[in-house]
Amino acid sequence: MRVGYARVSTEDQNLAGQLDELRATGCADVYAEHGSGKKDDRPELANALRALRAGDTLVVTRLDRLGRNLPHLIATVNALAARGVGFESLAERLDTTSAGGELIFHLFASMAQFERRLNSERTRAGLKAARARGRNGGRPPILSISQLRQAKRLLDDPEVTAREVAHTFGVSRSTLYNNLARLDAPAGERVT
């Protein structure tokens, strides 16, 4: 049995084209929904996946209708394959029920893994180069050292509460206390 899945991202988009295409290719059941592909909660996709049995094929009009990104798509198709379910994407002419389609899909998976490793290596190299230049990355501090010194002087006054001091600088009390800890850091580690 061929089971179709159609998705558009927003309510103002129309599913009709995908539905027609899926039915024209012999999909007996078609599950359709409106929602971002980045969302984990896609109830109609979950229903389609539950309806599939060994020997069935899940059909989409384009790869991006199924997966949030390539790793998610690969994980989904691999989970289908483990259950004996095929996958077909009409636009890319990809069909994992054939030997050639399965090979192409595995090439996609290998390329995605290669790309992830390259990105990881580039990120590590960039962080290392930044540290060598004295930059540690992360979010810049909200309060400057001079503001922190002023806040500390205000907190030394028993008449002034931490809440009032935090309000004066437009931060929460926890942010104020977390930033005050920077005053106690050694001079070489202090971020201004």
C-alpha atoms as a PDB file:
ATOM      1  CA  MET A   1       0.000   0.000   0.000  1.00  0.00           C
ATOM      2  CA  ARG A   2       1.175   3.525  -0.774  1.00  0.00           C
ATOM      3  CA  VAL A   3       0.523   6.061   1.981  1.00  0.00           C
ATOM      4  CA  GLY A   4       0.924   9.756   1.208  1.00  0.00           C
ATOM      5  CA  TYR A   5       1.953  12.597   3.503  1.00  0.00           C
ATOM      6  CA  ALA A   6       1.411  16.243   2.568  1.00  0.00           C
ATOM      7  CA  ARG A   7       2.343  19.324   4.559  1.00  0.00           C
ATOM      8  CA  VAL A   8       2.340  23.067   4.138  1.00  0.00           C
ATOM      9  CA  SER A   9       3.888  25.443   6.635  1.00  0.00           C
ATOM     10  CA  THR A  10       1.147  28.023   7.087  1.00  0.00           C
ATOM     11  CA  GLU A  11      -2.645  28.101   7.087  1.00  0.00           C
ATOM     12  CA  ASP A  12      -2.763  30.383   4.034  1.00  0.00           C
ATOM     13  CA  GLN A  13      -0.893  27.846   1.892  1.00  0.00           C
ATOM     14  CA  ASN A  14      -2.900  25.288  -0.049  1.00  0.00           C
ATOM     15  CA  LEU A  15      -2.498  21.508   0.180  1.00  0.00           C
ATOM     16  CA  ALA A  16      -4.518  20.787  -2.980  1.00  0.00           C
ATOM     17  CA  GLY A  17      -1.514  20.436  -5.335  1.00  0.00           C
ATOM     18  CA  GLN A  18       0.264  17.951  -3.086  1.00  0.00           C
ATOM     19  CA  LEU A  19      -2.933  15.974  -2.448  1.00  0.00           C
ATOM     20  CA  ASP A  20      -3.674  15.708  -6.182  1.00  0.00           C
ATOM     21  CA  GLU A  21      -0.121  14.610  -6.949  1.00  0.00           C
ATOM     22  CA  LEU A  22      -0.094  11.967  -4.207  1.00  0.00           C
ATOM     23  CA  ARG A  23      -3.462  10.517  -5.236  1.00  0.00           C
ATOM     24  CA  ALA A  24      -2.381  10.477  -8.898  1.00  0.00           C
ATOM     25  CA  THR A  25       0.582   8.263  -7.958  1.00  0.00           C
ATOM     26  CA  GLY A  26      -1.681   5.690  -6.312  1.00  0.00           C
ATOM     27  CA  CYS A  27      -1.676   6.660  -2.637  1.00  0.00           C
ATOM     28  CA  ALA A  28      -4.676   4.959  -1.039  1.00  0.00           C
ATOM     29  CA  ASP A  29      -4.496   7.042   2.143  1.00  0.00           C
ATOM     30  CA  VAL A  30      -3.139  10.571   2.340  1.00  0.00           C
ATOM     31  CA  TYR A  31      -2.390  12.339   5.626  1.00  0.00           C
ATOM     32  CA  ALA A  32      -2.176  16.127   5.418  1.00  0.00           C
ATOM     33  CA  GLU A  33      -1.506  18.965   7.818  1.00  0.00           C
ATOM     34  CA  HIS A  34      -0.585  22.602   8.206  1.00  0.00           C
ATOM     35  CA  GLY A  35       2.496  23.223  10.341  1.00  0.00           C
ATOM     36  CA  SER A  36       6.163  24.006  10.273  1.00  0.00           C
ATOM     37  CA  GLY A  37       8.498  21.174   9.393  1.00  0.00           C
ATOM     38  CA  LYS A  38      10.665  22.286  12.326  1.00  0.00           C
ATOM     39  CA  LYS A  39       8.008  21.299  14.838  1.00  0.00           C
ATOM     40  CA  ASP A  40       8.361  17.927  16.529  1.00  0.00           C
ATOM     41  CA  ASP A  41       4.622  17.707  17.076  1.00  0.00           C
ATOM     42  CA  ARG A  42       3.105  16.816  13.702  1.00  0.00           C
ATOM     43  CA  PRO A  43       0.072  14.654  14.512  1.00  0.00           C
ATOM     44  CA  GLU A  44      -0.770  13.711  10.925  1.00  0.00           C
ATOM     45  CA  LEU A  45       2.783  12.564  10.261  1.00  0.00           C
ATOM     46  CA  ALA A  46       2.576  10.453  13.413  1.00  0.00           C
ATOM     47  CA  ASN A  47      -0.725   8.981  12.158  1.00  0.00           C
ATOM     48  CA  ALA A  48       0.805   8.218   8.745  1.00  0.00           C
ATOM     49  CA  LEU A  49       3.813   6.520  10.335  1.00  0.00           C
ATOM     50  CA  ARG A  50       1.530   4.422  12.567  1.00  0.00           C
ATOM     51  CA  ALA A  51      -0.588   3.350   9.574  1.00  0.00           C
ATOM     52  CA  LEU A  52       2.403   1.966   7.654  1.00  0.00           C
ATOM     53  CA  ARG A  53       3.049  -1.789   7.674  1.00  0.00           C
ATOM     54  CA  ALA A  54       5.934  -3.849   6.317  1.00  0.00           C
ATOM     55  CA  GLY A  55       5.854  -3.737   2.524  1.00  0.00           C
ATOM     56  CA  ASP A  56       4.117  -0.309   2.435  1.00  0.00           C
ATOM     57  CA  THR A  57       5.678   2.860   1.034  1.00  0.00           C
ATOM     58  CA  LEU A  58       5.474   6.372   2.472  1.00  0.00           C
ATOM     59  CA  VAL A  59       5.223   8.902  -0.376  1.00  0.00           C
ATOM     60  CA  VAL A  60       5.860  12.663  -0.245  1.00  0.00           C
ATOM     61  CA  THR A  61       5.923  15.197  -3.064  1.00  0.00           C
ATOM     62  CA  ARG A  62       9.290  16.644  -1.943  1.00  0.00           C
ATOM     63  CA  LEU A  63      11.893  15.670   0.661  1.00  0.00           C
ATOM     64  CA  ASP A  64      11.387  18.861   2.671  1.00  0.00           C
ATOM     65  CA  ARG A  65       7.749  17.903   3.324  1.00  0.00           C
ATOM     66  CA  LEU A  66       8.922  15.057   5.579  1.00  0.00           C
ATOM     67  CA  GLY A  67      12.079  16.148   7.370  1.00  0.00           C
ATOM     68  CA  ARG A  68      13.058  19.213   9.400  1.00  0.00           C
ATOM     69  CA  ASN A  69      16.601  18.847   8.115  1.00  0.00           C
ATOM     70  CA  LEU A  70      18.718  16.179   6.471  1.00  0.00           C
ATOM     71  CA  PRO A  71      19.685  14.364   9.693  1.00  0.00           C
ATOM     72  CA  HIS A  72      16.000  14.206  10.760  1.00  0.00           C
ATOM     73  CA  LEU A  73      14.992  12.998   7.297  1.00  0.00           C
ATOM     74  CA  ILE A  74      17.658  10.293   7.338  1.00  0.00           C
ATOM     75  CA  ALA A  75      16.636   9.136  10.815  1.00  0.00           C
ATOM     76  CA  THR A  76      12.980   8.931   9.742  1.00  0.00           C
ATOM     77  CA  VAL A  77      13.727   6.970   6.563  1.00  0.00           C
ATOM     78  CA  ASN A  78      16.099   4.632   8.430  1.00  0.00           C
ATOM     79  CA  ALA A  79      13.370   3.981  11.026  1.00  0.00           C
ATOM     80  CA  LEU A  80      10.968   3.165   8.186  1.00  0.00           C
ATOM     81  CA  ALA A  81      13.502   0.816   6.576  1.00  0.00           C
ATOM     82  CA  ALA A  82      13.974  -0.998   9.892  1.00  0.00           C
ATOM     83  CA  ARG A  83      10.217  -1.702   9.848  1.00  0.00           C
ATOM     84  CA  GLY A  84      10.345  -2.917   6.220  1.00  0.00           C
ATOM     85  CA  VAL A  85       8.652   0.254   4.937  1.00  0.00           C
ATOM     86  CA  GLY A  86       9.842   2.002   1.779  1.00  0.00           C
ATOM     87  CA  PHE A  87      10.081   5.737   1.140  1.00  0.00           C
ATOM     88  CA  GLU A  88       9.480   7.693  -2.053  1.00  0.00           C
ATOM     89  CA  SER A  89       9.913  11.381  -2.851  1.00  0.00           C
ATOM     90  CA  LEU A  90       8.319  12.334  -6.152  1.00  0.00           C
ATOM     91  CA  ALA A  91      10.199  15.566  -6.964  1.00  0.00           C
ATOM     92  CA  GLU A  92      13.632  14.053  -6.340  1.00  0.00           C
ATOM     93  CA  ARG A  93      12.646  10.734  -7.966  1.00  0.00           C
ATOM     94  CA  LEU A  94      13.939   8.938  -4.904  1.00  0.00           C
ATOM     95  CA  ASP A  95      12.523   5.503  -4.136  1.00  0.00           C
ATOM     96  CA  THR A  96      14.156   3.386  -1.424  1.00  0.00           C
ATOM     97  CA  THR A  97      12.201   0.320  -2.531  1.00  0.00           C
ATOM     98  CA  SER A  98      14.632   0.014  -5.462  1.00  0.00           C
ATOM     99  CA  ALA A  99      18.336  -0.773  -5.153  1.00  0.00           C
ATOM    100  CA  GLY A 100      19.315   2.464  -6.952  1.00  0.00           C
ATOM    101  CA  GLY A 101      17.050   4.591  -4.765  1.00  0.00           C
ATOM    102  CA  GLU A 102      18.416   3.010  -1.619  1.00  0.00           C
ATOM    103  CA  LEU A 103      21.979   3.681  -2.823  1.00  0.00           C
ATOM    104  CA  ILE A 104      21.183   7.345  -3.536  1.00  0.00           C
ATOM    105  CA  PHE A 105      19.580   7.737  -0.122  1.00  0.00           C
ATOM    106  CA  HIS A 106      22.626   6.236   1.598  1.00  0.00           C
ATOM    107  CA  LEU A 107      24.845   8.623  -0.373  1.00  0.00           C
ATOM    108  CA  PHE A 108      22.707  11.510   0.978  1.00  0.00           C
ATOM    109  CA  ALA A 109      23.153  10.120   4.486  1.00  0.00           C
ATOM    110  CA  SER A 110      26.936   9.818   4.043  1.00  0.00           C
ATOM    111  CA  MET A 111      27.156  13.357   2.683  1.00  0.00           C
ATOM    112  CA  ALA A 112      25.111  14.684   5.616  1.00  0.00           C
ATOM    113  CA  GLN A 113      27.402  12.948   8.113  1.00  0.00           C
ATOM    114  CA  PHE A 114      30.447  14.320   6.283  1.00  0.00           C
ATOM    115  CA  GLU A 115      28.965  17.835   6.371  1.00  0.00           C
ATOM    116  CA  ARG A 116      28.241  17.554  10.129  1.00  0.00           C
ATOM    117  CA  ARG A 117      31.827  16.494  10.800  1.00  0.00           C
ATOM    118  CA  LEU A 118      33.217  19.335   8.670  1.00  0.00           C
ATOM    119  CA  ASN A 119      31.022  21.863  10.489  1.00  0.00           C
ATOM    120  CA  SER A 120      32.162  20.479  13.834  1.00  0.00           C
ATOM    121  CA  GLU A 121      35.823  20.699  12.818  1.00  0.00           C
ATOM    122  CA  ARG A 122      35.376  24.258  11.509  1.00  0.00           C
ATOM    123  CA  THR A 123      33.638  25.300  14.720  1.00  0.00           C
ATOM    124  CA  ARG A 124      36.396  23.846  16.900  1.00  0.00           C
ATOM    125  CA  ALA A 125      39.083  25.527  14.759  1.00  0.00           C
ATOM    126  CA  GLY A 126      37.252  28.870  14.933  1.00  0.00           C
ATOM    127  CA  LEU A 127      36.873  28.660  18.723  1.00  0.00           C
ATOM    128  CA  LYS A 128      40.540  27.753  19.100  1.00  0.00           C
ATOM    129  CA  ALA A 129      41.593  30.728  16.933  1.00  0.00           C
ATOM    130  CA  ALA A 130      39.308  33.067  18.893  1.00  0.00           C
ATOM    131  CA  ARG A 131      40.741  31.852  22.228  1.00  0.00           C
ATOM    132  CA  ALA A 132      44.254  32.417  20.875  1.00  0.00           C
ATOM    133  CA  ARG A 133      43.244  36.048  20.247  1.00  0.00           C
ATOM    134  CA  GLY A 134      41.901  36.325  23.807  1.00  0.00           C
ATOM    135  CA  ARG A 135      38.211  35.958  22.988  1.00  0.00           C
ATOM    136  CA  ASN A 136      36.232  33.340  24.862  1.00  0.00           C
ATOM    137  CA  GLY A 137      32.924  33.768  23.074  1.00  0.00           C
ATOM    138  CA  GLY A 138      29.537  33.670  24.699  1.00  0.00           C
ATOM    139  CA  ARG A 139      27.093  36.415  25.388  1.00  0.00           C
ATOM    140  CA  PRO A 140      28.642  39.791  26.270  1.00  0.00           C
ATOM    141  CA  PRO A 141      28.162  40.853  29.889  1.00  0.00           C
ATOM    142  CA  ILE A 142      25.100  42.973  30.581  1.00  0.00           C
ATOM    143  CA  LEU A 143      26.778  45.167  33.163  1.00  0.00           C
ATOM    144  CA  SER A 144      30.179  46.812  32.804  1.00  0.00           C
ATOM    145  CA  ILE A 145      32.780  46.622  35.550  1.00  0.00           C
ATOM    146  CA  SER A 146      32.109  50.256  36.483  1.00  0.00           C
ATOM    147  CA  GLN A 147      28.373  49.526  36.780  1.00  0.00           C
ATOM    148  CA  LEU A 148      29.168  46.517  38.946  1.00  0.00           C
ATOM    149  CA  ARG A 149      31.369  48.626  41.226  1.00  0.00           C
ATOM    150  CA  GLN A 150      28.536  51.149  41.531  1.00  0.00           C
ATOM    151  CA  ALA A 151      26.046  48.343  42.268  1.00  0.00           C
ATOM    152  CA  LYS A 152      28.367  46.942  44.943  1.00  0.00           C
ATOM    153  CA  ARG A 153      28.598  50.375  46.614  1.00  0.00           C
ATOM    154  CA  LEU A 154      24.794  50.624  46.561  1.00  0.00           C
ATOM    155  CA  LEU A 155      24.453  47.150  48.078  1.00  0.00           C
ATOM    156  CA  ASP A 156      26.812  48.142  50.905  1.00  0.00           C
ATOM    157  CA  ASP A 157      24.106  50.581  52.068  1.00  0.00           C
ATOM    158  CA  PRO A 158      21.765  48.658  54.432  1.00  0.00           C
ATOM    159  CA  GLU A 159      18.876  50.925  53.384  1.00  0.00           C
ATOM    160  CA  VAL A 160      19.035  49.716  49.754  1.00  0.00           C
ATOM    161  CA  THR A 161      17.739  46.282  48.724  1.00  0.00           C
ATOM    162  CA  ALA A 162      19.184  44.045  46.013  1.00  0.00           C
ATOM    163  CA  ARG A 163      15.852  44.308  44.218  1.00  0.00           C
ATOM    164  CA  GLU A 164      16.163  48.117  44.078  1.00  0.00           C
ATOM    165  CA  VAL A 165      19.735  47.918  42.798  1.00  0.00           C
ATOM    166  CA  ALA A 166      18.773  45.384  40.146  1.00  0.00           C
ATOM    167  CA  HIS A 167      15.845  47.596  39.092  1.00  0.00           C
ATOM    168  CA  THR A 168      18.203  50.595  38.846  1.00  0.00           C
ATOM    169  CA  PHE A 169      20.332  48.743  36.301  1.00  0.00           C
ATOM    170  CA  GLY A 170      17.396  47.084  34.515  1.00  0.00           C
ATOM    171  CA  VAL A 171      18.357  43.506  35.370  1.00  0.00           C
ATOM    172  CA  SER A 172      17.011  40.750  37.595  1.00  0.00           C
ATOM    173  CA  ARG A 173      18.500  40.065  41.031  1.00  0.00           C
ATOM    174  CA  SER A 174      20.008  36.786  39.824  1.00  0.00           C
ATOM    175  CA  THR A 175      21.664  38.574  36.882  1.00  0.00           C
ATOM    176  CA  LEU A 176      22.993  41.203  39.271  1.00  0.00           C
ATOM    177  CA  TYR A 177      24.470  38.572  41.620  1.00  0.00           C
ATOM    178  CA  ASN A 178      25.889  36.492  38.742  1.00  0.00           C
ATOM    179  CA  ASN A 179      27.590  39.568  37.304  1.00  0.00           C
ATOM    180  CA  LEU A 180      28.900  40.704  40.708  1.00  0.00           C
ATOM    181  CA  ALA A 181      30.882  37.463  40.809  1.00  0.00           C
ATOM    182  CA  ARG A 182      32.950  38.891  37.927  1.00  0.00           C
ATOM    183  CA  LEU A 183      34.374  41.505  40.310  1.00  0.00           C
ATOM    184  CA  ASP A 184      36.007  38.710  42.315  1.00  0.00           C
ATOM    185  CA  ALA A 185      37.543  37.093  39.209  1.00  0.00           C
ATOM    186  CA  PRO A 186      41.318  37.547  38.676  1.00  0.00           C
ATOM    187  CA  ALA A 187      42.109  40.602  36.545  1.00  0.00           C
ATOM    188  CA  GLY A 188      43.246  38.504  33.547  1.00  0.00           C
ATOM    189  CA  GLU A 189      39.905  36.663  33.448  1.00  0.00           C
ATOM    190  CA  ARG A 190      37.716  39.707  33.983  1.00  0.00           C
ATOM    191  CA  VAL A 191      35.560  40.769  31.058  1.00  0.00           C
ATOM    192  CA  THR A 192      34.780  44.488  30.953  1.00  0.00           C
END
